[in-house]
Amino acid sequence: MRIFDLAKELILGTRLKQLSDRYLGDVSKIYKKCGIEFESSWFGIFFLLDRHKSLTLSEMAENMDITLSGISQIILALSKKDLIVANTIKNDKRKKVISLTAKGEDLLKRVKPIWKSISLKMNEILLEGGHSKNLLDALSEVERSFDKLSLSERVLLHIHSSKFTTQKFSPKYYNNLKKLVFHWIYDFYIPHFVSDLKNTLEKNAEHILFALKDREVVAAAIGIMKNNSLNLYLFDRSDVEDSILTLISQRYIEHNLQKISSIELDSDKDALREFIEEKGFKLEREKSFPDSAKKLAIYIKEAISK
């Protein structure tokens, strides 16, 4: 049995790369046998210019999902071969518009019939198996999942989650949770609910989730109910991994999404802030404090801000 069949998803990257290398190798062989000088790395640019006639560098990079420096290298190589031309925009000389030269247009006419044949025969290959006909849709789904949360983020969250437990509030954890709240006060400001902290936490017990590690509360999502909506405060200790707060906050927000009207957290939590924005919250402001280097990010529901 091949290692691909044994290791399965553990060796998926290597398997996809080998398949990609075989595909690109065959495509290069097709161009060579047909007597056409055309590199596989040029395809995206020629394909887009065939559809749009001209595009800016940034538009092209966005469409191809590569960096500006990456697309610039390909554009430079094609310019040297007199296949494309880059012109500046009159009212914005920083922007360059890319289009095909006459030589590039001639090359496009020669490769388009080959693209049609490749598409036809590749589709034939996909339809030969029972599952392969869904390969393109499946790849799109996997790409969207990676965009939502990368493999490294998922694995690290899983590893870290085994080192702590999540708890709902009960009076026996009050002193531990109070310590965490006072860490917040030191870095930011005194939340209004601190004046009657114990009573407020007990009243909102069902809206509080925290992480317990080595018998200490190290991160918490504290929801305070006001006017039938939750004001959410996300806390963690500075000596623990950001992933712990990220994990419990994602769980909390997913479960209480319709009830939450505002969220306050440390502005340094980039991954968590990205998740919050994906869930429809808009940054209202970042708040600075005279005696702290930290900033507080305050989010509100998108609909509320309009």
C-alpha atoms as a PDB file:
ATOM      1  CA  MET A   1       0.000   0.000   0.000  1.00  0.00           C
ATOM      2  CA  ARG A   2       1.332   3.453  -0.945  1.00  0.00           C
ATOM      3  CA  ILE A   3       2.226   5.967   1.745  1.00  0.00           C
ATOM      4  CA  PHE A   4      -0.506   8.270   0.374  1.00  0.00           C
ATOM      5  CA  ASP A   5      -3.104   5.628   1.228  1.00  0.00           C
ATOM      6  CA  LEU A   6      -1.580   5.023   4.667  1.00  0.00           C
ATOM      7  CA  ALA A   7      -0.875   8.594   5.778  1.00  0.00           C
ATOM      8  CA  LYS A   8      -3.991  10.068   4.113  1.00  0.00           C
ATOM      9  CA  GLU A   9      -4.552  13.717   5.173  1.00  0.00           C
ATOM     10  CA  LEU A  10      -1.125  13.861   6.908  1.00  0.00           C
ATOM     11  CA  ILE A  11       0.588  13.845   3.508  1.00  0.00           C
ATOM     12  CA  LEU A  12      -2.055  15.791   1.585  1.00  0.00           C
ATOM     13  CA  GLY A  13       0.286  18.704   0.785  1.00  0.00           C
ATOM     14  CA  THR A  14       2.913  16.424  -0.789  1.00  0.00           C
ATOM     15  CA  ARG A  15       0.253  14.547  -2.741  1.00  0.00           C
ATOM     16  CA  LEU A  16      -1.293  17.755  -4.111  1.00  0.00           C
ATOM     17  CA  LYS A  17       2.162  19.068  -5.055  1.00  0.00           C
ATOM     18  CA  GLN A  18       3.026  15.876  -6.925  1.00  0.00           C
ATOM     19  CA  LEU A  19      -0.289  16.002  -8.781  1.00  0.00           C
ATOM     20  CA  SER A  20       0.295  19.698  -9.559  1.00  0.00           C
ATOM     21  CA  ASP A  21       3.815  18.946 -10.847  1.00  0.00           C
ATOM     22  CA  ARG A  22       2.466  16.172 -13.106  1.00  0.00           C
ATOM     23  CA  TYR A  23      -0.274  18.462 -14.435  1.00  0.00           C
ATOM     24  CA  LEU A  24       2.073  21.394 -15.122  1.00  0.00           C
ATOM     25  CA  GLY A  25       4.676  19.078 -16.623  1.00  0.00           C
ATOM     26  CA  ASP A  26       2.110  17.688 -19.078  1.00  0.00           C
ATOM     27  CA  VAL A  27       0.894  21.182 -19.969  1.00  0.00           C
ATOM     28  CA  SER A  28       4.460  22.352 -20.652  1.00  0.00           C
ATOM     29  CA  LYS A  29       4.998  19.277 -22.841  1.00  0.00           C
ATOM     30  CA  ILE A  30       1.840  20.166 -24.846  1.00  0.00           C
ATOM     31  CA  TYR A  31       3.069  23.702 -25.575  1.00  0.00           C
ATOM     32  CA  LYS A  32       6.526  22.401 -26.551  1.00  0.00           C
ATOM     33  CA  LYS A  33       5.163  19.699 -28.876  1.00  0.00           C
ATOM     34  CA  CYS A  34       2.933  22.311 -30.535  1.00  0.00           C
ATOM     35  CA  GLY A  35       5.940  24.548 -31.124  1.00  0.00           C
ATOM     36  CA  ILE A  36       4.694  27.345 -28.854  1.00  0.00           C
ATOM     37  CA  GLU A  37       6.894  29.158 -26.351  1.00  0.00           C
ATOM     38  CA  PHE A  38       4.496  29.575 -23.427  1.00  0.00           C
ATOM     39  CA  GLU A  39       5.172  29.005 -19.728  1.00  0.00           C
ATOM     40  CA  SER A  40       2.547  27.773 -17.297  1.00  0.00           C
ATOM     41  CA  SER A  41       3.237  30.739 -14.990  1.00  0.00           C
ATOM     42  CA  TRP A  42       2.023  33.086 -17.719  1.00  0.00           C
ATOM     43  CA  PHE A  43      -1.424  31.507 -17.956  1.00  0.00           C
ATOM     44  CA  GLY A  44      -3.173  33.609 -15.301  1.00  0.00           C
ATOM     45  CA  ILE A  45      -2.082  36.896 -16.872  1.00  0.00           C
ATOM     46  CA  PHE A  46      -3.034  35.915 -20.419  1.00  0.00           C
ATOM     47  CA  PHE A  47      -6.343  34.437 -19.241  1.00  0.00           C
ATOM     48  CA  LEU A  48      -7.282  37.628 -17.356  1.00  0.00           C
ATOM     49  CA  LEU A  49      -6.201  39.949 -20.168  1.00  0.00           C
ATOM     50  CA  ASP A  50      -8.210  37.873 -22.637  1.00  0.00           C
ATOM     51  CA  ARG A  51     -11.273  38.561 -20.478  1.00  0.00           C
ATOM     52  CA  HIS A  52     -10.623  42.134 -19.334  1.00  0.00           C
ATOM     53  CA  LYS A  53      -8.256  43.513 -22.013  1.00  0.00           C
ATOM     54  CA  SER A  54      -6.423  45.566 -19.380  1.00  0.00           C
ATOM     55  CA  LEU A  55      -5.958  45.465 -15.588  1.00  0.00           C
ATOM     56  CA  THR A  56      -3.897  47.276 -12.985  1.00  0.00           C
ATOM     57  CA  LEU A  57      -1.146  45.375 -11.187  1.00  0.00           C
ATOM     58  CA  SER A  58      -3.175  45.300  -7.952  1.00  0.00           C
ATOM     59  CA  GLU A  59      -6.292  44.032  -9.753  1.00  0.00           C
ATOM     60  CA  MET A  60      -4.246  41.294 -11.370  1.00  0.00           C
ATOM     61  CA  ALA A  61      -2.575  40.280  -8.082  1.00  0.00           C
ATOM     62  CA  GLU A  62      -5.976  40.159  -6.355  1.00  0.00           C
ATOM     63  CA  ASN A  63      -7.527  38.036  -9.115  1.00  0.00           C
ATOM     64  CA  MET A  64      -4.607  35.613  -9.085  1.00  0.00           C
ATOM     65  CA  ASP A  65      -4.360  35.583  -5.267  1.00  0.00           C
ATOM     66  CA  ILE A  66      -0.631  36.348  -5.261  1.00  0.00           C
ATOM     67  CA  THR A  67       1.467  39.232  -3.894  1.00  0.00           C
ATOM     68  CA  LEU A  68       2.246  42.393  -5.835  1.00  0.00           C
ATOM     69  CA  SER A  69       5.938  41.486  -5.820  1.00  0.00           C
ATOM     70  CA  GLY A  70       5.086  38.050  -7.216  1.00  0.00           C
ATOM     71  CA  ILE A  71       2.985  39.418 -10.080  1.00  0.00           C
ATOM     72  CA  SER A  72       5.565  42.146 -10.778  1.00  0.00           C
ATOM     73  CA  GLN A  73       8.261  39.535 -11.442  1.00  0.00           C
ATOM     74  CA  ILE A  74       6.109  37.764 -14.040  1.00  0.00           C
ATOM     75  CA  ILE A  75       5.101  41.100 -15.625  1.00  0.00           C
ATOM     76  CA  LEU A  76       8.782  42.094 -15.904  1.00  0.00           C
ATOM     77  CA  ALA A  77       9.644  38.813 -17.654  1.00  0.00           C
ATOM     78  CA  LEU A  78       6.754  39.203 -20.108  1.00  0.00           C
ATOM     79  CA  SER A  79       7.685  42.847 -20.772  1.00  0.00           C
ATOM     80  CA  LYS A  80      11.222  41.812 -21.721  1.00  0.00           C
ATOM     81  CA  LYS A  81       9.719  39.410 -24.262  1.00  0.00           C
ATOM     82  CA  ASP A  82       7.539  42.227 -25.663  1.00  0.00           C
ATOM     83  CA  LEU A  83       4.362  40.300 -24.825  1.00  0.00           C
ATOM     84  CA  ILE A  84       2.785  42.869 -22.519  1.00  0.00           C
ATOM     85  CA  VAL A  85       3.042  46.590 -21.927  1.00  0.00           C
ATOM     86  CA  ALA A  86       2.600  48.498 -18.664  1.00  0.00           C
ATOM     87  CA  ASN A  87       1.267  52.054 -18.999  1.00  0.00           C
ATOM     88  CA  THR A  88       0.793  54.570 -16.194  1.00  0.00           C
ATOM     89  CA  ILE A  89      -2.611  56.138 -15.558  1.00  0.00           C
ATOM     90  CA  LYS A  90      -2.740  59.855 -16.375  1.00  0.00           C
ATOM     91  CA  ASN A  91      -4.351  60.947 -13.093  1.00  0.00           C
ATOM     92  CA  ASP A  92      -2.371  58.496 -10.940  1.00  0.00           C
ATOM     93  CA  LYS A  93       1.180  57.797 -12.100  1.00  0.00           C
ATOM     94  CA  ARG A  94       1.703  55.308  -9.259  1.00  0.00           C
ATOM     95  CA  LYS A  95      -0.697  52.861 -10.920  1.00  0.00           C
ATOM     96  CA  LYS A  96       0.224  50.807 -13.968  1.00  0.00           C
ATOM     97  CA  VAL A  97      -2.263  49.289 -16.390  1.00  0.00           C
ATOM     98  CA  ILE A  98      -1.217  46.035 -18.029  1.00  0.00           C
ATOM     99  CA  SER A  99      -2.291  45.031 -21.530  1.00  0.00           C
ATOM    100  CA  LEU A 100      -1.073  42.739 -24.292  1.00  0.00           C
ATOM    101  CA  THR A 101       1.150  43.945 -27.122  1.00  0.00           C
ATOM    102  CA  ALA A 102       0.469  42.904 -30.721  1.00  0.00           C
ATOM    103  CA  LYS A 103       2.963  40.063 -30.195  1.00  0.00           C
ATOM    104  CA  GLY A 104       1.118  39.075 -27.021  1.00  0.00           C
ATOM    105  CA  GLU A 105      -2.244  39.117 -28.815  1.00  0.00           C
ATOM    106  CA  ASP A 106      -0.793  36.838 -31.501  1.00  0.00           C
ATOM    107  CA  LEU A 107       0.481  34.402 -28.849  1.00  0.00           C
ATOM    108  CA  LEU A 108      -2.934  34.449 -27.147  1.00  0.00           C
ATOM    109  CA  LYS A 109      -4.621  33.434 -30.410  1.00  0.00           C
ATOM    110  CA  ARG A 110      -2.245  30.463 -30.700  1.00  0.00           C
ATOM    111  CA  VAL A 111      -2.695  29.174 -27.134  1.00  0.00           C
ATOM    112  CA  LYS A 112      -6.471  29.554 -26.802  1.00  0.00           C
ATOM    113  CA  PRO A 113      -7.259  26.444 -28.907  1.00  0.00           C
ATOM    114  CA  ILE A 114      -4.806  24.507 -26.712  1.00  0.00           C
ATOM    115  CA  TRP A 115      -6.596  25.748 -23.577  1.00  0.00           C
ATOM    116  CA  LYS A 116      -9.848  24.479 -25.027  1.00  0.00           C
ATOM    117  CA  SER A 117      -8.336  21.024 -25.606  1.00  0.00           C
ATOM    118  CA  ILE A 118      -6.784  20.943 -22.118  1.00  0.00           C
ATOM    119  CA  SER A 119     -10.123  21.890 -20.565  1.00  0.00           C
ATOM    120  CA  LEU A 120     -11.960  19.238 -22.562  1.00  0.00           C
ATOM    121  CA  LYS A 121      -9.532  16.426 -21.717  1.00  0.00           C
ATOM    122  CA  MET A 122      -9.087  17.485 -18.087  1.00  0.00           C
ATOM    123  CA  ASN A 123     -12.846  17.373 -17.670  1.00  0.00           C
ATOM    124  CA  GLU A 124     -12.750  13.907 -19.231  1.00  0.00           C
ATOM    125  CA  ILE A 125     -10.232  12.793 -16.580  1.00  0.00           C
ATOM    126  CA  LEU A 126     -12.374  14.219 -13.779  1.00  0.00           C
ATOM    127  CA  LEU A 127     -15.428  12.341 -15.031  1.00  0.00           C
ATOM    128  CA  GLU A 128     -13.638   8.980 -15.179  1.00  0.00           C
ATOM    129  CA  GLY A 129     -13.950   8.355 -11.419  1.00  0.00           C
ATOM    130  CA  GLY A 130     -16.897   8.240  -9.094  1.00  0.00           C
ATOM    131  CA  HIS A 131     -15.628  11.032  -6.839  1.00  0.00           C
ATOM    132  CA  SER A 132     -13.193  12.981  -9.029  1.00  0.00           C
ATOM    133  CA  LYS A 133     -16.031  14.762 -10.853  1.00  0.00           C
ATOM    134  CA  ASN A 134     -16.498  16.817  -7.667  1.00  0.00           C
ATOM    135  CA  LEU A 135     -12.777  17.632  -7.279  1.00  0.00           C
ATOM    136  CA  LEU A 136     -12.982  21.311  -8.272  1.00  0.00           C
ATOM    137  CA  ASP A 137     -15.929  21.995  -5.951  1.00  0.00           C
ATOM    138  CA  ALA A 138     -14.164  20.114  -3.148  1.00  0.00           C
ATOM    139  CA  LEU A 139     -10.970  22.162  -3.634  1.00  0.00           C
ATOM    140  CA  SER A 140     -12.984  25.391  -3.439  1.00  0.00           C
ATOM    141  CA  GLU A 141     -14.534  24.225  -0.165  1.00  0.00           C
ATOM    142  CA  VAL A 142     -11.108  23.364   1.287  1.00  0.00           C
ATOM    143  CA  GLU A 143      -9.715  26.764   0.247  1.00  0.00           C
ATOM    144  CA  ARG A 144     -12.614  28.555   1.955  1.00  0.00           C
ATOM    145  CA  SER A 145     -12.036  26.519   5.115  1.00  0.00           C
ATOM    146  CA  PHE A 146      -8.334  27.446   5.096  1.00  0.00           C
ATOM    147  CA  ASP A 147      -9.290  31.122   4.658  1.00  0.00           C
ATOM    148  CA  LYS A 148     -11.655  30.904   7.617  1.00  0.00           C
ATOM    149  CA  LEU A 149      -9.082  29.350   9.959  1.00  0.00           C
ATOM    150  CA  SER A 150      -5.705  28.009   8.824  1.00  0.00           C
ATOM    151  CA  LEU A 151      -4.431  24.519   9.587  1.00  0.00           C
ATOM    152  CA  SER A 152      -1.728  25.895  11.899  1.00  0.00           C
ATOM    153  CA  GLU A 153      -4.298  27.896  13.875  1.00  0.00           C
ATOM    154  CA  ARG A 154      -6.597  24.876  14.176  1.00  0.00           C
ATOM    155  CA  VAL A 155      -3.799  22.535  15.307  1.00  0.00           C
ATOM    156  CA  LEU A 156      -2.340  24.996  17.818  1.00  0.00           C
ATOM    157  CA  LEU A 157      -5.774  25.720  19.258  1.00  0.00           C
ATOM    158  CA  HIS A 158      -6.359  21.981  19.647  1.00  0.00           C
ATOM    159  CA  ILE A 159      -2.978  21.475  21.332  1.00  0.00           C
ATOM    160  CA  HIS A 160      -3.514  24.367  23.716  1.00  0.00           C
ATOM    161  CA  SER A 161      -7.113  23.369  24.441  1.00  0.00           C
ATOM    162  CA  SER A 162      -5.839  20.135  26.012  1.00  0.00           C
ATOM    163  CA  LYS A 163      -3.928  22.215  28.569  1.00  0.00           C
ATOM    164  CA  PHE A 164      -6.943  24.004  30.040  1.00  0.00           C
ATOM    165  CA  THR A 165     -10.609  23.446  30.784  1.00  0.00           C
ATOM    166  CA  THR A 166     -13.552  25.759  30.164  1.00  0.00           C
ATOM    167  CA  GLN A 167     -15.968  26.558  32.960  1.00  0.00           C
ATOM    168  CA  LYS A 168     -19.189  28.455  33.493  1.00  0.00           C
ATOM    169  CA  PHE A 169     -19.270  30.855  36.425  1.00  0.00           C
ATOM    170  CA  SER A 170     -20.032  29.648  39.929  1.00  0.00           C
ATOM    171  CA  PRO A 171     -19.317  31.422  43.258  1.00  0.00           C
ATOM    172  CA  LYS A 172     -16.324  29.188  44.034  1.00  0.00           C
ATOM    173  CA  TYR A 173     -14.437  30.787  41.126  1.00  0.00           C
ATOM    174  CA  TYR A 174     -15.237  34.363  42.137  1.00  0.00           C
ATOM    175  CA  ASN A 175     -11.847  35.230  43.680  1.00  0.00           C
ATOM    176  CA  ASN A 176      -9.957  33.789  40.709  1.00  0.00           C
ATOM    177  CA  LEU A 177     -12.105  35.678  38.243  1.00  0.00           C
ATOM    178  CA  LYS A 178     -11.763  38.874  40.285  1.00  0.00           C
ATOM    179  CA  LYS A 179      -7.952  38.660  39.899  1.00  0.00           C
ATOM    180  CA  LEU A 180      -8.343  38.548  36.127  1.00  0.00           C
ATOM    181  CA  VAL A 181     -10.717  41.514  36.128  1.00  0.00           C
ATOM    182  CA  PHE A 182      -8.183  43.522  38.126  1.00  0.00           C
ATOM    183  CA  HIS A 183      -5.510  42.679  35.525  1.00  0.00           C
ATOM    184  CA  TRP A 184      -7.868  44.317  33.024  1.00  0.00           C
ATOM    185  CA  ILE A 185      -8.313  47.370  35.262  1.00  0.00           C
ATOM    186  CA  TYR A 186      -4.529  47.764  35.515  1.00  0.00           C
ATOM    187  CA  ASP A 187      -4.135  47.710  31.694  1.00  0.00           C
ATOM    188  CA  PHE A 188      -7.263  49.591  30.666  1.00  0.00           C
ATOM    189  CA  TYR A 189     -10.001  51.090  32.829  1.00  0.00           C
ATOM    190  CA  ILE A 190     -12.570  50.243  35.489  1.00  0.00           C
ATOM    191  CA  PRO A 191     -15.667  48.678  33.866  1.00  0.00           C
ATOM    192  CA  HIS A 192     -18.965  49.934  35.272  1.00  0.00           C
ATOM    193  CA  PHE A 193     -19.878  46.511  36.681  1.00  0.00           C
ATOM    194  CA  VAL A 194     -16.862  46.396  39.031  1.00  0.00           C
ATOM    195  CA  SER A 195     -18.614  48.546  41.642  1.00  0.00           C
ATOM    196  CA  ASP A 196     -20.829  45.564  42.459  1.00  0.00           C
ATOM    197  CA  LEU A 197     -18.678  42.849  40.921  1.00  0.00           C
ATOM    198  CA  LYS A 198     -19.775  39.761  42.835  1.00  0.00           C
ATOM    199  CA  ASN A 199     -23.481  40.480  42.498  1.00  0.00           C
ATOM    200  CA  THR A 200     -23.118  41.344  38.802  1.00  0.00           C
ATOM    201  CA  LEU A 201     -21.185  38.159  38.034  1.00  0.00           C
ATOM    202  CA  GLU A 202     -23.728  36.023  39.867  1.00  0.00           C
ATOM    203  CA  LYS A 203     -26.628  37.678  38.015  1.00  0.00           C
ATOM    204  CA  ASN A 204     -24.890  37.080  34.676  1.00  0.00           C
ATOM    205  CA  ALA A 205     -23.510  33.624  35.526  1.00  0.00           C
ATOM    206  CA  GLU A 206     -25.051  31.977  32.450  1.00  0.00           C
ATOM    207  CA  HIS A 207     -23.308  34.547  30.223  1.00  0.00           C
ATOM    208  CA  ILE A 208     -19.792  33.966  31.572  1.00  0.00           C
ATOM    209  CA  LEU A 209     -17.267  31.469  30.198  1.00  0.00           C
ATOM    210  CA  PHE A 210     -13.673  31.211  31.310  1.00  0.00           C
ATOM    211  CA  ALA A 211     -10.546  29.076  30.923  1.00  0.00           C
ATOM    212  CA  LEU A 212      -9.045  27.347  33.952  1.00  0.00           C
ATOM    213  CA  LYS A 213      -5.382  26.333  33.832  1.00  0.00           C
ATOM    214  CA  ASP A 214      -3.446  25.007  36.845  1.00  0.00           C
ATOM    215  CA  ARG A 215      -6.435  26.034  38.998  1.00  0.00           C
ATOM    216  CA  GLU A 216      -6.153  29.649  37.859  1.00  0.00           C
ATOM    217  CA  VAL A 217      -8.556  31.602  35.637  1.00  0.00           C
ATOM    218  CA  VAL A 218      -6.357  32.674  32.721  1.00  0.00           C
ATOM    219  CA  ALA A 219      -8.918  33.960  30.196  1.00  0.00           C
ATOM    220  CA  ALA A 220     -12.596  34.866  30.262  1.00  0.00           C
ATOM    221  CA  ALA A 221     -15.526  35.984  28.152  1.00  0.00           C
ATOM    222  CA  ILE A 222     -17.815  37.994  30.442  1.00  0.00           C
ATOM    223  CA  GLY A 223     -21.189  38.970  29.062  1.00  0.00           C
ATOM    224  CA  ILE A 224     -23.187  41.612  30.929  1.00  0.00           C
ATOM    225  CA  MET A 225     -26.866  41.648  30.003  1.00  0.00           C
ATOM    226  CA  LYS A 226     -28.321  45.120  29.485  1.00  0.00           C
ATOM    227  CA  ASN A 227     -31.592  45.964  27.733  1.00  0.00           C
ATOM    228  CA  ASN A 228     -31.905  42.373  26.441  1.00  0.00           C
ATOM    229  CA  SER A 229     -28.470  42.422  24.777  1.00  0.00           C
ATOM    230  CA  LEU A 230     -24.979  41.423  25.877  1.00  0.00           C
ATOM    231  CA  ASN A 231     -22.017  43.728  26.327  1.00  0.00           C
ATOM    232  CA  LEU A 232     -19.082  41.321  26.000  1.00  0.00           C
ATOM    233  CA  TYR A 233     -15.700  41.815  27.674  1.00  0.00           C
ATOM    234  CA  LEU A 234     -12.816  39.537  26.642  1.00  0.00           C
ATOM    235  CA  PHE A 235      -9.985  39.190  29.177  1.00  0.00           C
ATOM    236  CA  ASP A 236      -6.819  37.151  29.454  1.00  0.00           C
ATOM    237  CA  ARG A 237      -3.584  37.172  31.413  1.00  0.00           C
ATOM    238  CA  SER A 238      -0.506  38.522  29.679  1.00  0.00           C
ATOM    239  CA  ASP A 239       1.509  35.370  30.464  1.00  0.00           C
ATOM    240  CA  VAL A 240      -0.712  32.903  28.544  1.00  0.00           C
ATOM    241  CA  GLU A 241      -1.057  32.125  24.848  1.00  0.00           C
ATOM    242  CA  ASP A 242      -3.496  34.302  22.873  1.00  0.00           C
ATOM    243  CA  SER A 243      -4.992  31.096  21.454  1.00  0.00           C
ATOM    244  CA  ILE A 244      -6.730  30.306  24.759  1.00  0.00           C
ATOM    245  CA  LEU A 245      -8.773  33.508  24.721  1.00  0.00           C
ATOM    246  CA  THR A 246      -9.340  33.081  20.989  1.00  0.00           C
ATOM    247  CA  LEU A 247     -10.756  29.602  21.463  1.00  0.00           C
ATOM    248  CA  ILE A 248     -13.182  30.377  24.288  1.00  0.00           C
ATOM    249  CA  SER A 249     -14.227  33.671  22.640  1.00  0.00           C
ATOM    250  CA  GLN A 250     -15.022  31.952  19.344  1.00  0.00           C
ATOM    251  CA  ARG A 251     -17.179  29.413  21.179  1.00  0.00           C
ATOM    252  CA  TYR A 252     -18.911  32.135  23.157  1.00  0.00           C
ATOM    253  CA  ILE A 253     -19.583  34.422  20.178  1.00  0.00           C
ATOM    254  CA  GLU A 254     -20.832  31.582  17.970  1.00  0.00           C
ATOM    255  CA  HIS A 255     -23.285  30.517  20.694  1.00  0.00           C
ATOM    256  CA  ASN A 256     -24.487  34.029  21.608  1.00  0.00           C
ATOM    257  CA  LEU A 257     -24.107  35.859  18.285  1.00  0.00           C
ATOM    258  CA  GLN A 258     -27.679  37.195  18.138  1.00  0.00           C
ATOM    259  CA  LYS A 259     -27.550  38.575  21.700  1.00  0.00           C
ATOM    260  CA  ILE A 260     -24.200  40.413  21.595  1.00  0.00           C
ATOM    261  CA  SER A 261     -24.348  44.162  20.900  1.00  0.00           C
ATOM    262  CA  SER A 262     -20.772  45.201  21.773  1.00  0.00           C
ATOM    263  CA  ILE A 263     -17.360  43.628  22.376  1.00  0.00           C
ATOM    264  CA  GLU A 264     -14.323  45.078  24.151  1.00  0.00           C
ATOM    265  CA  LEU A 265     -10.861  43.484  24.011  1.00  0.00           C
ATOM    266  CA  ASP A 266      -7.126  44.163  23.857  1.00  0.00           C
ATOM    267  CA  SER A 267      -6.356  45.676  20.428  1.00  0.00           C
ATOM    268  CA  ASP A 268      -3.315  43.359  20.082  1.00  0.00           C
ATOM    269  CA  LYS A 269      -5.512  40.257  19.572  1.00  0.00           C
ATOM    270  CA  ASP A 270      -5.269  40.264  15.772  1.00  0.00           C
ATOM    271  CA  ALA A 271      -6.624  36.760  15.076  1.00  0.00           C
ATOM    272  CA  LEU A 272      -9.556  37.245  17.442  1.00  0.00           C
ATOM    273  CA  ARG A 273     -10.336  40.687  16.003  1.00  0.00           C
ATOM    274  CA  GLU A 274     -10.424  39.226  12.502  1.00  0.00           C
ATOM    275  CA  PHE A 275     -12.921  36.589  13.675  1.00  0.00           C
ATOM    276  CA  ILE A 276     -15.075  39.266  15.359  1.00  0.00           C
ATOM    277  CA  GLU A 277     -15.172  41.329  12.156  1.00  0.00           C
ATOM    278  CA  GLU A 278     -16.118  38.247  10.117  1.00  0.00           C
ATOM    279  CA  LYS A 279     -19.091  37.800  12.456  1.00  0.00           C
ATOM    280  CA  GLY A 280     -20.530  41.197  11.521  1.00  0.00           C
ATOM    281  CA  PHE A 281     -19.058  43.510  14.157  1.00  0.00           C
ATOM    282  CA  LYS A 282     -17.591  46.868  13.227  1.00  0.00           C
ATOM    283  CA  LEU A 283     -14.719  48.627  14.988  1.00  0.00           C
ATOM    284  CA  GLU A 284     -16.209  51.683  16.675  1.00  0.00           C
ATOM    285  CA  ARG A 285     -12.920  52.997  18.053  1.00  0.00           C
ATOM    286  CA  GLU A 286      -9.574  52.157  19.639  1.00  0.00           C
ATOM    287  CA  LYS A 287      -9.188  53.745  23.041  1.00  0.00           C
ATOM    288  CA  SER A 288      -5.850  54.764  24.582  1.00  0.00           C
ATOM    289  CA  PHE A 289      -5.133  55.279  28.275  1.00  0.00           C
ATOM    290  CA  PRO A 290      -2.647  57.747  29.833  1.00  0.00           C
ATOM    291  CA  ASP A 291      -0.823  55.246  32.051  1.00  0.00           C
ATOM    292  CA  SER A 292      -0.841  52.218  29.722  1.00  0.00           C
ATOM    293  CA  ALA A 293       0.882  51.253  26.480  1.00  0.00           C
ATOM    294  CA  LYS A 294      -2.089  49.065  25.593  1.00  0.00           C
ATOM    295  CA  LYS A 295      -5.128  50.037  23.548  1.00  0.00           C
ATOM    296  CA  LEU A 296      -8.697  48.841  23.878  1.00  0.00           C
ATOM    297  CA  ALA A 297     -10.618  47.833  20.740  1.00  0.00           C
ATOM    298  CA  ILE A 298     -14.363  48.425  20.952  1.00  0.00           C
ATOM    299  CA  TYR A 299     -16.673  46.698  18.475  1.00  0.00           C
ATOM    300  CA  ILE A 300     -20.399  47.103  17.897  1.00  0.00           C
ATOM    301  CA  LYS A 301     -22.886  45.229  15.734  1.00  0.00           C
ATOM    302  CA  GLU A 302     -22.691  46.378  12.113  1.00  0.00           C
ATOM    303  CA  ALA A 303     -26.419  47.151  11.972  1.00  0.00           C
ATOM    304  CA  ILE A 304     -26.230  49.267  15.133  1.00  0.00           C
ATOM    305  CA  SER A 305     -23.485  51.456  13.690  1.00  0.00           C
ATOM    306  CA  LYS A 306     -25.488  52.483  10.633  1.00  0.00           C
END
